[in-house]
Amino acid sequence: MEGGGRPSAAQAVLLATSTAITALLYSIYRQKARVARGLEGARKVRLDGDLRAVLLEAPGRCVPYAVIEGVVQSVKDTLSSQFVENCKGVVQRLTLQEHKMVWNRTTHLWNDYEKIIHQRTNTTPFDLVPAEDGAGVTVRVMKPLEAAELSLETVYEKFHPSVQSFTDVIGHYISGERPKGIQETEQMLKVGTALTGVGELVLDSATIKLQPPKQGMPYYLSSLDFESLLQKQESSVRFWKILTVVFGFATCAVLFFLLRKQYRHHRERQHLRQMQEEFRQAQERRMNTEGGEVLKNACVVCLSSTKSCVFLECGHVCSCHECYQALPQPKKCPICRQGITRVVPLYNS
């Protein structure tokens, strides 16, 4: 604590940082909890012959947040894998990722660094159809790339290591960057994949569409079943809740420490004022009883014994040895409140 009982700059920064982190974590926790509650309350509809009737009865022919499970089927053309034969899909993502080692001047270590240098995503219209053939009901999936969790399967992955000469190695050590190679990846949402869609279900003319919801809730296209997807979101909520509680306790501990320090400082100042007031009253009584003459060499604590101690490092001579022994720990000078490191006896000749 600084003078006057105010927190130091480091303590104030620690409290402000801890409070800000707690508030940020709580905000994330609230958002995750809202998403989990919305997902839990989503209406589960079956992909069968009654789906069109359900939408006709719904207000505006729309279910704002619905869960539907089906199998991926392309509408017209399918996308073929560039590396795997007879691999067909409706979403294809090609990625080139650079891997290298970067020298950290702070830790003096080589750290792995990854950077996407090129990525292309191709899509083609597709539907969700029932797993059992013959139902004759399809749901058109709109804007699949906007889904918060789009489950793509990695169908091809290959790492191309960098070929380096001795001169390149020397140059890399000087520059602080050491290339490792390029990783080539192809991911696809394959035809026939079982998919769980969570979003707005709407009947538009003769087409049933699944699209991103308008209430700000996340849009899901996941290969997990609905129960697994819900458990995943609830686990995320618990994780952020635990982080929020931990940092909340840390913030309360810092605040309690600062308040305790301030309270102790207030008690010390109150005790000092009380001692000064008692000293003033004792001086007035002595002046009245001894005709106005005060013992100049009297101890400032008991006002009866002779001063016999020199307090270091402040250098004040203000107390007898008995009153010095009675001072509370940690011992501080009654005059300036500076800590007493050692005491030198004073001998009057």
Foldseek 3Di string as FASTA:
>chain_A
DDPPLDDDPVLVVVLVVLVVVLVVLVVVLVVLVVLLVVLVPAAEDEQFPCLQVVLVPDVQSKRQKYKYKFFKDADDDWDDDPPDPPFTFFKKKKWKKWWKWFQDPVVRDTDIDIDTPDMDMGGGWIWGHHPDPDRPGTATEPPLVQAPEADWAWPDKDWDFDDDDPVRVVVCVVVRMGTGTMMITMTHHTGGQIWMWIGMWGCDPPHIYGYHGPPPHGTHTDSDDSVVVSVVSVVVSVVSVVVSVVSVVVSVVSVVVSVVSSVVVVVVVVVLVVLVVVLVVVLVVCCVVVVHDQDPQAASRPSPDGFWKQFPDVGDGHHHPVVQVVADPPHADSPPRHGGPDIDTHDDD
